[in-house]
């Protein structure tokens, strides 16, 4: 029998925590085959053994406590012992972030996922120093989603963070744009924020232009008198957003 879990409850499983999207479809038989990549990771990297506990999530709130039945380098089978379904937080936390130079966004995505961000939207803006063709853009999104999945497993989340395809500044997504030229402190903006989803927009190195801020139709706010690096601003926004929504503290 599947037991319910509220969004604020930590998942009660033990052992390595893995995303296996199709485990619920296999659960009726009582045994789940983890697939080649997960099996290889368990057998060769984590060096799991028969009898060890393994925690599974499908990334959509369904969790299972399992135990390794048999394993090889390419095939691991686990026995399902207990299952739970965790409800999602009522309000979503999203981060819209301009793509910075190099691999800085990798760490932002990892930390944002650990802090509970639900949706991550990488975007290109006027001052982004990146030129991406369609193939390169897809490769980046695939890599970023893999980083988010790894962070989901490490932080033992039941719901995984999704990374959207690279886009541009949204114009129909109510939220808060963190902008160094804003005059209203973020604390004031958050105090007046209506109950609902919370979205933060973060600019690139060099910041957003006034035209982009206006185009976003979001409420401008400043984090403080100091200027933060774009990667610092993204993680700070994620932490403050999680706190405001009651997920931290």
C-alpha atoms as a PDB file:
ATOM      1  CA  UNK A   1       0.000   0.000   0.000  1.00  0.00           C
ATOM      2  CA  UNK A   2       1.307   3.433  -0.957  1.00  0.00           C
ATOM      3  CA  UNK A   3       1.524   5.933   1.901  1.00  0.00           C
ATOM      4  CA  UNK A   4       1.083   9.706   1.484  1.00  0.00           C
ATOM      5  CA  UNK A   5       3.774  12.270   2.243  1.00  0.00           C
ATOM      6  CA  UNK A   6       3.259  16.010   2.478  1.00  0.00           C
ATOM      7  CA  UNK A   7       5.609  18.358   0.627  1.00  0.00           C
ATOM      8  CA  UNK A   8       7.381  19.425   3.826  1.00  0.00           C
ATOM      9  CA  UNK A   9       8.202  15.888   4.955  1.00  0.00           C
ATOM     10  CA  UNK A  10      11.640  14.429   4.162  1.00  0.00           C
ATOM     11  CA  UNK A  11      11.384  11.173   2.276  1.00  0.00           C
ATOM     12  CA  UNK A  12      11.831   8.253   4.715  1.00  0.00           C
ATOM     13  CA  UNK A  13      13.922   5.998   2.480  1.00  0.00           C
ATOM     14  CA  UNK A  14      17.514   4.888   3.094  1.00  0.00           C
ATOM     15  CA  UNK A  15      20.344   3.979   0.734  1.00  0.00           C
ATOM     16  CA  UNK A  16      21.471   5.670  -2.463  1.00  0.00           C
ATOM     17  CA  UNK A  17      18.667   7.757  -3.988  1.00  0.00           C
ATOM     18  CA  UNK A  18      18.163   7.367  -7.747  1.00  0.00           C
ATOM     19  CA  UNK A  19      15.837   8.753 -10.408  1.00  0.00           C
ATOM     20  CA  UNK A  20      14.231   5.846 -12.287  1.00  0.00           C
ATOM     21  CA  UNK A  21      11.337   7.345 -14.279  1.00  0.00           C
ATOM     22  CA  UNK A  22       9.632   4.052 -15.122  1.00  0.00           C
ATOM     23  CA  UNK A  23       9.838   2.316 -11.746  1.00  0.00           C
ATOM     24  CA  UNK A  24       6.082   2.732 -10.977  1.00  0.00           C
ATOM     25  CA  UNK A  25       5.184   0.964 -14.219  1.00  0.00           C
ATOM     26  CA  UNK A  26       7.335  -2.010 -13.186  1.00  0.00           C
ATOM     27  CA  UNK A  27       6.259  -2.075  -9.541  1.00  0.00           C
ATOM     28  CA  UNK A  28       3.256  -4.381  -9.971  1.00  0.00           C
ATOM     29  CA  UNK A  29       5.593  -7.341 -10.337  1.00  0.00           C
ATOM     30  CA  UNK A  30       7.409  -6.337  -7.160  1.00  0.00           C
ATOM     31  CA  UNK A  31      10.763  -6.225  -8.963  1.00  0.00           C
ATOM     32  CA  UNK A  32      12.245  -3.236 -10.821  1.00  0.00           C
ATOM     33  CA  UNK A  33      14.990  -3.402 -13.453  1.00  0.00           C
ATOM     34  CA  UNK A  34      17.044  -0.230 -13.192  1.00  0.00           C
ATOM     35  CA  UNK A  35      18.347  -0.034 -16.742  1.00  0.00           C
ATOM     36  CA  UNK A  36      21.885   0.126 -18.075  1.00  0.00           C
ATOM     37  CA  UNK A  37      23.045   3.568 -16.883  1.00  0.00           C
ATOM     38  CA  UNK A  38      21.633   3.284 -13.360  1.00  0.00           C
ATOM     39  CA  UNK A  39      22.875  -0.307 -13.098  1.00  0.00           C
ATOM     40  CA  UNK A  40      26.369   0.639 -14.199  1.00  0.00           C
ATOM     41  CA  UNK A  41      26.422   3.540 -11.729  1.00  0.00           C
ATOM     42  CA  UNK A  42      25.345   1.325  -8.840  1.00  0.00           C
ATOM     43  CA  UNK A  43      27.634  -1.584  -9.658  1.00  0.00           C
ATOM     44  CA  UNK A  44      30.799   0.195 -10.820  1.00  0.00           C
ATOM     45  CA  UNK A  45      30.727   3.649  -9.174  1.00  0.00           C
ATOM     46  CA  UNK A  46      28.818   3.085  -5.934  1.00  0.00           C
ATOM     47  CA  UNK A  47      29.909  -0.571  -5.689  1.00  0.00           C
ATOM     48  CA  UNK A  48      26.552  -1.718  -4.361  1.00  0.00           C
ATOM     49  CA  UNK A  49      26.013  -5.311  -3.290  1.00  0.00           C
ATOM     50  CA  UNK A  50      23.048  -7.669  -3.117  1.00  0.00           C
ATOM     51  CA  UNK A  51      20.868  -6.913  -0.115  1.00  0.00           C
ATOM     52  CA  UNK A  52      21.719  -3.211   0.051  1.00  0.00           C
ATOM     53  CA  UNK A  53      18.817  -0.702   0.313  1.00  0.00           C
ATOM     54  CA  UNK A  54      18.170   1.603  -2.645  1.00  0.00           C
ATOM     55  CA  UNK A  55      15.798   4.570  -2.754  1.00  0.00           C
ATOM     56  CA  UNK A  56      13.949   5.299  -6.012  1.00  0.00           C
ATOM     57  CA  UNK A  57      11.935   8.237  -7.322  1.00  0.00           C
ATOM     58  CA  UNK A  58      10.350   8.728 -10.714  1.00  0.00           C
ATOM     59  CA  UNK A  59      10.960  12.477 -10.378  1.00  0.00           C
ATOM     60  CA  UNK A  60       7.213  13.104 -10.120  1.00  0.00           C
ATOM     61  CA  UNK A  61       6.615  12.444  -6.432  1.00  0.00           C
ATOM     62  CA  UNK A  62       6.489   8.635  -6.417  1.00  0.00           C
ATOM     63  CA  UNK A  63       9.078   7.072  -4.079  1.00  0.00           C
ATOM     64  CA  UNK A  64      10.054   3.497  -3.328  1.00  0.00           C
ATOM     65  CA  UNK A  65      12.225   1.809  -0.755  1.00  0.00           C
ATOM     66  CA  UNK A  66      13.851  -1.130  -2.485  1.00  0.00           C
ATOM     67  CA  UNK A  67      16.605  -3.660  -1.889  1.00  0.00           C
ATOM     68  CA  UNK A  68      19.110  -5.020  -4.383  1.00  0.00           C
ATOM     69  CA  UNK A  69      18.113  -8.525  -5.459  1.00  0.00           C
ATOM     70  CA  UNK A  70      20.796  -9.154  -8.060  1.00  0.00           C
ATOM     71  CA  UNK A  71      23.304  -7.083  -9.958  1.00  0.00           C
ATOM     72  CA  UNK A  72      25.918  -7.132 -12.664  1.00  0.00           C
ATOM     73  CA  UNK A  73      27.771  -4.327 -14.432  1.00  0.00           C
ATOM     74  CA  UNK A  74      24.825  -3.767 -16.795  1.00  0.00           C
ATOM     75  CA  UNK A  75      21.784  -5.134 -14.963  1.00  0.00           C
ATOM     76  CA  UNK A  76      20.495  -4.451 -11.463  1.00  0.00           C
ATOM     77  CA  UNK A  77      17.190  -5.761 -10.148  1.00  0.00           C
ATOM     78  CA  UNK A  78      15.678  -4.427  -6.924  1.00  0.00           C
ATOM     79  CA  UNK A  79      12.735  -5.670  -4.862  1.00  0.00           C
ATOM     80  CA  UNK A  80      10.127  -3.051  -3.892  1.00  0.00           C
ATOM     81  CA  UNK A  81       9.510  -3.047  -0.132  1.00  0.00           C
ATOM     82  CA  UNK A  82       7.459   0.098   0.461  1.00  0.00           C
ATOM     83  CA  UNK A  83       6.135   3.021  -1.575  1.00  0.00           C
ATOM     84  CA  UNK A  84       5.052   6.621  -0.952  1.00  0.00           C
ATOM     85  CA  UNK A  85       3.558   9.484  -2.949  1.00  0.00           C
ATOM     86  CA  UNK A  86       4.663  12.984  -1.987  1.00  0.00           C
ATOM     87  CA  UNK A  87       2.453  15.945  -2.819  1.00  0.00           C
ATOM     88  CA  UNK A  88       4.071  18.883  -4.561  1.00  0.00           C
ATOM     89  CA  UNK A  89       4.435  22.274  -2.910  1.00  0.00           C
ATOM     90  CA  UNK A  90       1.312  24.337  -3.689  1.00  0.00           C
ATOM     91  CA  UNK A  91       3.313  27.199  -5.223  1.00  0.00           C
ATOM     92  CA  UNK A  92       6.123  26.678  -7.706  1.00  0.00           C
ATOM     93  CA  UNK A  93       9.529  28.362  -7.447  1.00  0.00           C
ATOM     94  CA  UNK A  94      11.153  29.194 -10.790  1.00  0.00           C
ATOM     95  CA  UNK A  95      14.433  30.775 -11.819  1.00  0.00           C
ATOM     96  CA  UNK A  96      14.890  32.519 -15.175  1.00  0.00           C
ATOM     97  CA  UNK A  97      18.599  33.148 -15.641  1.00  0.00           C
ATOM     98  CA  UNK A  98      20.640  34.641 -18.458  1.00  0.00           C
ATOM     99  CA  UNK A  99      23.437  32.313 -19.532  1.00  0.00           C
ATOM    100  CA  UNK A 100      26.813  33.514 -18.213  1.00  0.00           C
ATOM    101  CA  UNK A 101      30.256  32.804 -19.605  1.00  0.00           C
ATOM    102  CA  UNK A 102      31.913  29.422 -19.345  1.00  0.00           C
ATOM    103  CA  UNK A 103      30.381  26.774 -17.112  1.00  0.00           C
ATOM    104  CA  UNK A 104      29.150  29.096 -14.366  1.00  0.00           C
ATOM    105  CA  UNK A 105      25.544  28.043 -14.925  1.00  0.00           C
ATOM    106  CA  UNK A 106      26.385  24.442 -14.009  1.00  0.00           C
ATOM    107  CA  UNK A 107      26.856  25.383 -10.364  1.00  0.00           C
ATOM    108  CA  UNK A 108      23.806  27.669 -10.333  1.00  0.00           C
ATOM    109  CA  UNK A 109      21.636  24.802 -11.570  1.00  0.00           C
ATOM    110  CA  UNK A 110      23.102  22.391  -9.024  1.00  0.00           C
ATOM    111  CA  UNK A 111      22.563  24.759  -6.080  1.00  0.00           C
ATOM    112  CA  UNK A 112      19.140  25.891  -7.280  1.00  0.00           C
ATOM    113  CA  UNK A 113      17.987  22.276  -7.403  1.00  0.00           C
ATOM    114  CA  UNK A 114      19.332  21.587  -3.912  1.00  0.00           C
ATOM    115  CA  UNK A 115      17.412  24.631  -2.651  1.00  0.00           C
ATOM    116  CA  UNK A 116      14.141  23.375  -4.108  1.00  0.00           C
ATOM    117  CA  UNK A 117      13.686  25.319  -7.357  1.00  0.00           C
ATOM    118  CA  UNK A 118      11.044  23.572  -9.477  1.00  0.00           C
ATOM    119  CA  UNK A 119      11.679  25.037 -12.914  1.00  0.00           C
ATOM    120  CA  UNK A 120      14.811  26.553 -14.433  1.00  0.00           C
ATOM    121  CA  UNK A 121      14.686  28.677 -17.588  1.00  0.00           C
ATOM    122  CA  UNK A 122      18.053  29.499 -19.225  1.00  0.00           C
ATOM    123  CA  UNK A 123      17.777  32.510 -21.539  1.00  0.00           C
ATOM    124  CA  UNK A 124      19.877  34.642 -23.854  1.00  0.00           C
ATOM    125  CA  UNK A 125      19.806  38.430 -23.468  1.00  0.00           C
ATOM    126  CA  UNK A 126      21.435  41.404 -25.183  1.00  0.00           C
ATOM    127  CA  UNK A 127      24.568  41.281 -23.043  1.00  0.00           C
ATOM    128  CA  UNK A 128      25.076  37.502 -23.041  1.00  0.00           C
ATOM    129  CA  UNK A 129      28.470  36.634 -24.471  1.00  0.00           C
ATOM    130  CA  UNK A 130      27.305  33.332 -26.006  1.00  0.00           C
ATOM    131  CA  UNK A 131      26.641  32.317 -29.606  1.00  0.00           C
ATOM    132  CA  UNK A 132      24.728  29.039 -29.814  1.00  0.00           C
ATOM    133  CA  UNK A 133      23.451  27.068 -32.764  1.00  0.00           C
ATOM    134  CA  UNK A 134      20.522  24.662 -32.315  1.00  0.00           C
ATOM    135  CA  UNK A 135      22.745  21.613 -31.808  1.00  0.00           C
ATOM    136  CA  UNK A 136      24.964  23.301 -29.210  1.00  0.00           C
ATOM    137  CA  UNK A 137      21.911  24.654 -27.384  1.00  0.00           C
ATOM    138  CA  UNK A 138      20.357  21.196 -27.143  1.00  0.00           C
ATOM    139  CA  UNK A 139      23.609  19.696 -25.886  1.00  0.00           C
ATOM    140  CA  UNK A 140      23.796  22.320 -23.145  1.00  0.00           C
ATOM    141  CA  UNK A 141      20.210  21.735 -22.015  1.00  0.00           C
ATOM    142  CA  UNK A 142      20.801  17.973 -21.929  1.00  0.00           C
ATOM    143  CA  UNK A 143      23.911  18.493 -19.788  1.00  0.00           C
ATOM    144  CA  UNK A 144      22.135  20.922 -17.473  1.00  0.00           C
ATOM    145  CA  UNK A 145      19.241  18.502 -16.984  1.00  0.00           C
ATOM    146  CA  UNK A 146      21.744  15.769 -16.098  1.00  0.00           C
ATOM    147  CA  UNK A 147      23.287  18.106 -13.503  1.00  0.00           C
ATOM    148  CA  UNK A 148      19.817  18.839 -12.097  1.00  0.00           C
ATOM    149  CA  UNK A 149      19.046  15.110 -11.944  1.00  0.00           C
ATOM    150  CA  UNK A 150      22.271  14.452 -10.053  1.00  0.00           C
ATOM    151  CA  UNK A 151      21.414  17.231  -7.597  1.00  0.00           C
ATOM    152  CA  UNK A 152      17.904  15.780  -7.211  1.00  0.00           C
ATOM    153  CA  UNK A 153      19.434  12.460  -6.195  1.00  0.00           C
ATOM    154  CA  UNK A 154      22.027  14.030  -3.895  1.00  0.00           C
ATOM    155  CA  UNK A 155      19.450  16.175  -2.081  1.00  0.00           C
ATOM    156  CA  UNK A 156      16.920  13.303  -1.949  1.00  0.00           C
ATOM    157  CA  UNK A 157      14.117  15.116  -3.711  1.00  0.00           C
ATOM    158  CA  UNK A 158      10.986  13.288  -4.834  1.00  0.00           C
ATOM    159  CA  UNK A 159      10.234  15.916  -7.489  1.00  0.00           C
ATOM    160  CA  UNK A 160      13.023  16.753  -9.917  1.00  0.00           C
ATOM    161  CA  UNK A 161      13.782  20.236 -11.229  1.00  0.00           C
ATOM    162  CA  UNK A 162      13.131  20.637 -14.948  1.00  0.00           C
ATOM    163  CA  UNK A 163      15.461  22.639 -17.200  1.00  0.00           C
ATOM    164  CA  UNK A 164      13.621  24.239 -20.125  1.00  0.00           C
ATOM    165  CA  UNK A 165      15.044  24.787 -23.614  1.00  0.00           C
ATOM    166  CA  UNK A 166      17.073  27.972 -24.017  1.00  0.00           C
ATOM    167  CA  UNK A 167      14.758  30.904 -24.670  1.00  0.00           C
ATOM    168  CA  UNK A 168      14.529  34.661 -24.406  1.00  0.00           C
ATOM    169  CA  UNK A 169      13.163  37.033 -21.781  1.00  0.00           C
ATOM    170  CA  UNK A 170       9.589  35.978 -20.963  1.00  0.00           C
ATOM    171  CA  UNK A 171       6.966  38.677 -21.378  1.00  0.00           C
ATOM    172  CA  UNK A 172       3.952  36.865 -19.924  1.00  0.00           C
ATOM    173  CA  UNK A 173       5.378  35.380 -16.713  1.00  0.00           C
ATOM    174  CA  UNK A 174       4.594  37.479 -13.604  1.00  0.00           C
ATOM    175  CA  UNK A 175       7.570  37.647 -11.298  1.00  0.00           C
ATOM    176  CA  UNK A 176      10.437  39.663  -9.864  1.00  0.00           C
ATOM    177  CA  UNK A 177      13.437  40.862 -11.834  1.00  0.00           C
ATOM    178  CA  UNK A 178      16.561  41.383  -9.753  1.00  0.00           C
ATOM    179  CA  UNK A 179      18.165  44.486 -11.221  1.00  0.00           C
ATOM    180  CA  UNK A 180      21.004  46.582  -9.871  1.00  0.00           C
ATOM    181  CA  UNK A 181      19.251  49.813 -10.929  1.00  0.00           C
ATOM    182  CA  UNK A 182      16.022  49.010  -9.081  1.00  0.00           C
ATOM    183  CA  UNK A 183      15.142  51.240  -6.132  1.00  0.00           C
ATOM    184  CA  UNK A 184      12.789  48.930  -4.220  1.00  0.00           C
ATOM    185  CA  UNK A 185      14.418  46.356  -1.884  1.00  0.00           C
ATOM    186  CA  UNK A 186      13.528  42.737  -2.538  1.00  0.00           C
ATOM    187  CA  UNK A 187      12.176  42.382   1.000  1.00  0.00           C
ATOM    188  CA  UNK A 188       9.533  45.046   0.265  1.00  0.00           C
ATOM    189  CA  UNK A 189       8.564  43.404  -3.019  1.00  0.00           C
ATOM    190  CA  UNK A 190       8.276  39.977  -1.373  1.00  0.00           C
ATOM    191  CA  UNK A 191       6.134  41.403   1.444  1.00  0.00           C
ATOM    192  CA  UNK A 192       3.635  42.599  -1.152  1.00  0.00           C
ATOM    193  CA  UNK A 193       3.831  39.408  -3.236  1.00  0.00           C
ATOM    194  CA  UNK A 194       0.428  37.759  -3.670  1.00  0.00           C
ATOM    195  CA  UNK A 195       0.184  34.124  -2.629  1.00  0.00           C
ATOM    196  CA  UNK A 196       1.121  32.048  -5.647  1.00  0.00           C
ATOM    197  CA  UNK A 197       4.014  30.910  -7.822  1.00  0.00           C
ATOM    198  CA  UNK A 198       7.271  32.821  -7.409  1.00  0.00           C
ATOM    199  CA  UNK A 199       9.528  33.611 -10.379  1.00  0.00           C
ATOM    200  CA  UNK A 200      12.898  35.380 -10.339  1.00  0.00           C
ATOM    201  CA  UNK A 201      14.642  36.816 -13.405  1.00  0.00           C
ATOM    202  CA  UNK A 202      18.440  37.186 -13.235  1.00  0.00           C
ATOM    203  CA  UNK A 203      20.502  39.021 -15.832  1.00  0.00           C
ATOM    204  CA  UNK A 204      23.950  38.168 -17.258  1.00  0.00           C
ATOM    205  CA  UNK A 205      27.348  39.715 -16.629  1.00  0.00           C
ATOM    206  CA  UNK A 206      26.798  43.386 -17.369  1.00  0.00           C
ATOM    207  CA  UNK A 207      23.173  43.174 -16.281  1.00  0.00           C
ATOM    208  CA  UNK A 208      19.890  43.594 -18.101  1.00  0.00           C
ATOM    209  CA  UNK A 209      19.133  46.694 -20.145  1.00  0.00           C
ATOM    210  CA  UNK A 210      16.321  49.018 -19.093  1.00  0.00           C
ATOM    211  CA  UNK A 211      14.431  47.934 -22.196  1.00  0.00           C
ATOM    212  CA  UNK A 212      14.710  44.271 -21.226  1.00  0.00           C
ATOM    213  CA  UNK A 213      13.485  44.974 -17.697  1.00  0.00           C
ATOM    214  CA  UNK A 214      10.493  46.832 -19.104  1.00  0.00           C
ATOM    215  CA  UNK A 215       9.867  44.072 -21.646  1.00  0.00           C
ATOM    216  CA  UNK A 216       9.744  41.427 -18.925  1.00  0.00           C
ATOM    217  CA  UNK A 217       6.705  43.039 -17.257  1.00  0.00           C
ATOM    218  CA  UNK A 218       8.162  41.848 -13.938  1.00  0.00           C
ATOM    219  CA  UNK A 219       8.554  43.892 -10.759  1.00  0.00           C
ATOM    220  CA  UNK A 220      12.119  45.270 -10.419  1.00  0.00           C
ATOM    221  CA  UNK A 221      13.849  44.740  -7.071  1.00  0.00           C
ATOM    222  CA  UNK A 222      17.359  45.059  -5.687  1.00  0.00           C
ATOM    223  CA  UNK A 223      19.112  42.602  -3.397  1.00  0.00           C
ATOM    224  CA  UNK A 224      21.161  45.257  -1.594  1.00  0.00           C
ATOM    225  CA  UNK A 225      23.676  48.052  -2.122  1.00  0.00           C
ATOM    226  CA  UNK A 226      26.363  45.687  -3.374  1.00  0.00           C
ATOM    227  CA  UNK A 227      26.565  44.250  -6.899  1.00  0.00           C
ATOM    228  CA  UNK A 228      26.504  40.446  -6.993  1.00  0.00           C
ATOM    229  CA  UNK A 229      27.926  38.211  -9.679  1.00  0.00           C
ATOM    230  CA  UNK A 230      25.193  36.712 -11.824  1.00  0.00           C
ATOM    231  CA  UNK A 231      25.849  33.215 -10.460  1.00  0.00           C
ATOM    232  CA  UNK A 232      25.713  34.534  -6.871  1.00  0.00           C
ATOM    233  CA  UNK A 233      22.470  36.393  -7.556  1.00  0.00           C
ATOM    234  CA  UNK A 234      20.825  33.267  -8.945  1.00  0.00           C
ATOM    235  CA  UNK A 235      21.622  31.108  -5.923  1.00  0.00           C
ATOM    236  CA  UNK A 236      20.682  33.939  -3.542  1.00  0.00           C
ATOM    237  CA  UNK A 237      17.320  34.360  -5.269  1.00  0.00           C
ATOM    238  CA  UNK A 238      16.673  30.623  -5.020  1.00  0.00           C
ATOM    239  CA  UNK A 239      17.432  30.604  -1.288  1.00  0.00           C
ATOM    240  CA  UNK A 240      15.340  33.697  -0.529  1.00  0.00           C
ATOM    241  CA  UNK A 241      12.489  32.385  -2.650  1.00  0.00           C
ATOM    242  CA  UNK A 242      12.513  29.028  -0.875  1.00  0.00           C
ATOM    243  CA  UNK A 243      12.489  30.811   2.484  1.00  0.00           C
ATOM    244  CA  UNK A 244       9.617  33.104   1.432  1.00  0.00           C
ATOM    245  CA  UNK A 245       7.533  30.127   0.326  1.00  0.00           C
ATOM    246  CA  UNK A 246       8.128  28.345   3.627  1.00  0.00           C
ATOM    247  CA  UNK A 247      10.475  25.681   2.288  1.00  0.00           C
ATOM    248  CA  UNK A 248      13.494  26.718   4.358  1.00  0.00           C
ATOM    249  CA  UNK A 249      13.852  27.753   7.957  1.00  0.00           C
END
